[in-house]
Amino acid sequence: MSQEQGFPFSESQIRAVLGSSEGKQLMELLQRDGGERLRQAASAIKNGNYASAQTILAPVIQTPEAAELVSKINRSKEK
């Protein structure tokens, strides 16, 4: 998926985040339900429905643990 298709991140940006310690921890959080929520969000993204993907992931991403990881990831991008 590319930025031209409306996805806000490039493949290299995604790989960099997922390769980081915080990214790996975030993926662990997203897979606690066996990965079902993550699969649903990926399917929504594949179909171009980014808002639906955000809604699907929101209960996990909005936890204090995930919010802190996302904050760390965002701060590392600014460097």
N, C-alpha and C. Protein backbone atom coordinates (compact mmCIF):
# COMPACT_ATOMS: atom_id res chain seq x y z
N MET A 1 0.85 -1.17 0.00
CA MET A 1 0.00 0.00 0.00
C MET A 1 0.90 1.23 0.00
N SER A 2 0.54 2.22 -0.73
CA SER A 2 1.39 3.40 -0.84
C SER A 2 0.65 4.65 -0.39
N GLN A 3 1.43 5.71 -0.21
CA GLN A 3 0.82 6.97 0.18
C GLN A 3 -0.10 7.49 -0.91
N GLU A 4 0.18 7.15 -2.17
CA GLU A 4 -0.65 7.60 -3.27
C GLU A 4 -2.07 7.06 -3.14
N GLN A 5 -2.24 5.90 -2.50
CA GLN A 5 -3.55 5.30 -2.33
C GLN A 5 -4.28 5.85 -1.12
N GLY A 6 -3.73 6.85 -0.47
CA GLY A 6 -4.40 7.48 0.65
C GLY A 6 -3.94 7.01 2.00
N PHE A 7 -3.05 6.04 2.07
CA PHE A 7 -2.54 5.56 3.35
C PHE A 7 -1.51 6.57 3.81
N PRO A 8 -1.58 7.03 5.05
CA PRO A 8 -0.74 8.15 5.48
C PRO A 8 0.72 7.80 5.76
N PHE A 9 1.12 6.52 5.63
CA PHE A 9 2.50 6.14 5.94
C PHE A 9 3.09 5.33 4.79
N SER A 10 4.37 5.52 4.58
CA SER A 10 5.05 4.72 3.56
C SER A 10 5.43 3.37 4.16
N GLU A 11 5.73 2.44 3.30
CA GLU A 11 6.13 1.11 3.76
C GLU A 11 7.38 1.19 4.63
N SER A 12 8.34 2.04 4.25
CA SER A 12 9.57 2.16 5.03
C SER A 12 9.30 2.75 6.41
N GLN A 13 8.36 3.69 6.50
CA GLN A 13 8.00 4.25 7.80
C GLN A 13 7.37 3.17 8.70
N ILE A 14 6.51 2.37 8.12
CA ILE A 14 5.85 1.31 8.88
C ILE A 14 6.88 0.29 9.36
N ARG A 15 7.79 -0.09 8.48
CA ARG A 15 8.83 -1.05 8.86
C ARG A 15 9.71 -0.50 9.99
N ALA A 16 10.04 0.78 9.91
CA ALA A 16 10.88 1.39 10.95
C ALA A 16 10.17 1.37 12.30
N VAL A 17 8.89 1.70 12.31
CA VAL A 17 8.12 1.71 13.56
C VAL A 17 8.00 0.30 14.11
N LEU A 18 7.63 -0.65 13.25
CA LEU A 18 7.43 -2.03 13.71
C LEU A 18 8.73 -2.68 14.15
N GLY A 19 9.86 -2.18 13.66
CA GLY A 19 11.15 -2.71 14.07
C GLY A 19 11.66 -2.14 15.37
N SER A 20 11.02 -1.07 15.84
CA SER A 20 11.45 -0.45 17.09
C SER A 20 10.92 -1.23 18.29
N SER A 21 11.54 -1.01 19.42
CA SER A 21 11.10 -1.66 20.66
C SER A 21 9.64 -1.31 20.96
N GLU A 22 9.31 -0.04 20.83
CA GLU A 22 7.94 0.40 21.10
C GLU A 22 6.96 -0.20 20.12
N GLY A 23 7.36 -0.27 18.86
CA GLY A 23 6.50 -0.86 17.83
C GLY A 23 6.22 -2.32 18.11
N LYS A 24 7.24 -3.05 18.53
CA LYS A 24 7.06 -4.46 18.86
C LYS A 24 6.12 -4.63 20.06
N GLN A 25 6.28 -3.77 21.06
CA GLN A 25 5.39 -3.83 22.22
C GLN A 25 3.96 -3.51 21.84
N LEU A 26 3.80 -2.53 20.95
CA LEU A 26 2.46 -2.16 20.49
C LEU A 26 1.82 -3.31 19.73
N MET A 27 2.60 -3.99 18.89
CA MET A 27 2.07 -5.14 18.16
C MET A 27 1.64 -6.25 19.12
N GLU A 28 2.39 -6.44 20.20
CA GLU A 28 2.00 -7.44 21.20
C GLU A 28 0.64 -7.09 21.80
N LEU A 29 0.44 -5.81 22.09
CA LEU A 29 -0.86 -5.37 22.63
C LEU A 29 -1.98 -5.65 21.63
N LEU A 30 -1.71 -5.36 20.36
CA LEU A 30 -2.73 -5.52 19.33
C LEU A 30 -3.05 -6.98 19.05
N GLN A 31 -2.16 -7.87 19.46
CA GLN A 31 -2.37 -9.29 19.19
C GLN A 31 -2.85 -10.06 20.42
N ARG A 32 -3.15 -9.38 21.49
CA ARG A 32 -3.60 -10.06 22.72
C ARG A 32 -4.90 -10.83 22.54
N ASP A 33 -5.70 -10.43 21.60
CA ASP A 33 -6.97 -11.14 21.35
C ASP A 33 -6.79 -12.21 20.27
N GLY A 34 -5.56 -12.65 20.09
CA GLY A 34 -5.28 -13.63 19.04
C GLY A 34 -5.08 -12.97 17.69
N GLY A 35 -5.04 -11.67 17.66
CA GLY A 35 -4.83 -10.93 16.42
C GLY A 35 -6.09 -10.63 15.63
N GLU A 36 -7.25 -11.00 16.18
CA GLU A 36 -8.51 -10.80 15.45
C GLU A 36 -8.76 -9.33 15.14
N ARG A 37 -8.60 -8.48 16.13
CA ARG A 37 -8.83 -7.04 15.93
C ARG A 37 -7.86 -6.50 14.88
N LEU A 38 -6.62 -6.94 14.93
CA LEU A 38 -5.62 -6.49 13.97
C LEU A 38 -5.97 -6.96 12.56
N ARG A 39 -6.43 -8.20 12.42
CA ARG A 39 -6.85 -8.71 11.10
C ARG A 39 -8.04 -7.91 10.56
N GLN A 40 -8.98 -7.59 11.43
CA GLN A 40 -10.14 -6.80 10.99
C GLN A 40 -9.71 -5.42 10.51
N ALA A 41 -8.80 -4.80 11.26
CA ALA A 41 -8.32 -3.47 10.88
C ALA A 41 -7.54 -3.53 9.56
N ALA A 42 -6.72 -4.56 9.40
CA ALA A 42 -5.95 -4.71 8.15
C ALA A 42 -6.90 -4.89 6.97
N SER A 43 -7.95 -5.65 7.17
CA SER A 43 -8.93 -5.85 6.11
C SER A 43 -9.61 -4.53 5.74
N ALA A 44 -9.95 -3.75 6.75
CA ALA A 44 -10.57 -2.44 6.51
C ALA A 44 -9.62 -1.54 5.72
N ILE A 45 -8.35 -1.54 6.11
CA ILE A 45 -7.36 -0.71 5.40
C ILE A 45 -7.21 -1.17 3.96
N LYS A 46 -7.16 -2.48 3.78
CA LYS A 46 -7.03 -3.03 2.42
C LYS A 46 -8.18 -2.55 1.53
N ASN A 47 -9.35 -2.39 2.14
CA ASN A 47 -10.52 -1.92 1.40
C ASN A 47 -10.63 -0.39 1.37
N GLY A 48 -9.59 0.29 1.89
CA GLY A 48 -9.57 1.74 1.86
C GLY A 48 -10.38 2.41 2.95
N ASN A 49 -10.83 1.66 3.94
CA ASN A 49 -11.67 2.21 5.00
C ASN A 49 -10.83 2.46 6.25
N TYR A 50 -10.07 3.55 6.22
CA TYR A 50 -9.16 3.88 7.32
C TYR A 50 -9.90 4.26 8.59
N ALA A 51 -11.04 4.92 8.45
CA ALA A 51 -11.83 5.30 9.64
C ALA A 51 -12.31 4.06 10.38
N SER A 52 -12.74 3.07 9.64
CA SER A 52 -13.18 1.82 10.27
C SER A 52 -12.02 1.14 10.98
N ALA A 53 -10.86 1.14 10.37
CA ALA A 53 -9.68 0.54 10.99
C ALA A 53 -9.36 1.24 12.31
N GLN A 54 -9.45 2.56 12.32
CA GLN A 54 -9.20 3.32 13.55
C GLN A 54 -10.21 2.95 14.63
N THR A 55 -11.46 2.81 14.23
CA THR A 55 -12.51 2.45 15.18
C THR A 55 -12.27 1.06 15.76
N ILE A 56 -11.87 0.14 14.92
CA ILE A 56 -11.60 -1.24 15.35
C ILE A 56 -10.45 -1.27 16.36
N LEU A 57 -9.41 -0.48 16.10
CA LEU A 57 -8.23 -0.50 16.96
C LEU A 57 -8.33 0.41 18.18
N ALA A 58 -9.29 1.32 18.18
CA ALA A 58 -9.40 2.32 19.25
C ALA A 58 -9.41 1.74 20.66
N PRO A 59 -10.18 0.68 20.95
CA PRO A 59 -10.18 0.18 22.32
C PRO A 59 -8.80 -0.25 22.83
N VAL A 60 -7.95 -0.70 21.93
CA VAL A 60 -6.60 -1.09 22.33
C VAL A 60 -5.68 0.13 22.37
N ILE A 61 -5.73 0.93 21.32
CA ILE A 61 -4.83 2.08 21.19
C ILE A 61 -5.08 3.11 22.29
N GLN A 62 -6.29 3.18 22.80
CA GLN A 62 -6.63 4.18 23.81
C GLN A 62 -6.31 3.75 25.24
N THR A 63 -5.76 2.54 25.41
CA THR A 63 -5.35 2.14 26.75
C THR A 63 -4.13 2.97 27.14
N PRO A 64 -3.93 3.18 28.43
CA PRO A 64 -2.75 3.97 28.85
C PRO A 64 -1.43 3.38 28.35
N GLU A 65 -1.30 2.07 28.37
CA GLU A 65 -0.08 1.42 27.92
C GLU A 65 0.18 1.70 26.44
N ALA A 66 -0.84 1.52 25.61
CA ALA A 66 -0.69 1.76 24.18
C ALA A 66 -0.48 3.24 23.89
N ALA A 67 -1.20 4.09 24.59
CA ALA A 67 -1.06 5.54 24.37
C ALA A 67 0.37 5.99 24.65
N GLU A 68 0.99 5.44 25.69
CA GLU A 68 2.37 5.79 26.01
C GLU A 68 3.32 5.31 24.91
N LEU A 69 3.09 4.10 24.41
CA LEU A 69 3.92 3.58 23.32
C LEU A 69 3.78 4.43 22.06
N VAL A 70 2.57 4.81 21.73
CA VAL A 70 2.33 5.66 20.54
C VAL A 70 3.02 7.01 20.73
N SER A 71 2.95 7.55 21.93
CA SER A 71 3.61 8.82 22.23
C SER A 71 5.12 8.70 22.04
N LYS A 72 5.71 7.61 22.51
CA LYS A 72 7.15 7.39 22.34
C LYS A 72 7.50 7.25 20.87
N ILE A 73 6.67 6.55 20.12
CA ILE A 73 6.91 6.38 18.68
C ILE A 73 6.86 7.74 17.99
N ASN A 74 5.86 8.53 18.33
CA ASN A 74 5.73 9.86 17.71
C ASN A 74 6.91 10.75 18.06
N ARG A 75 7.37 10.69 19.31
CA ARG A 75 8.53 11.50 19.70
C ARG A 75 9.79 11.06 18.95
N SER A 76 9.94 9.77 18.73
CA SER A 76 11.13 9.29 18.02
C SER A 76 11.11 9.71 16.56
N LYS A 77 9.92 9.87 15.97
CA LYS A 77 9.81 10.33 14.58
C LYS A 77 10.24 11.77 14.44
N GLU A 78 10.10 12.55 15.51
CA GLU A 78 10.43 13.98 15.46
C GLU A 78 11.92 14.22 15.52
N LYS A 79 12.69 13.24 15.92
CA LYS A 79 14.14 13.43 16.07
C LYS A 79 14.82 13.46 14.73
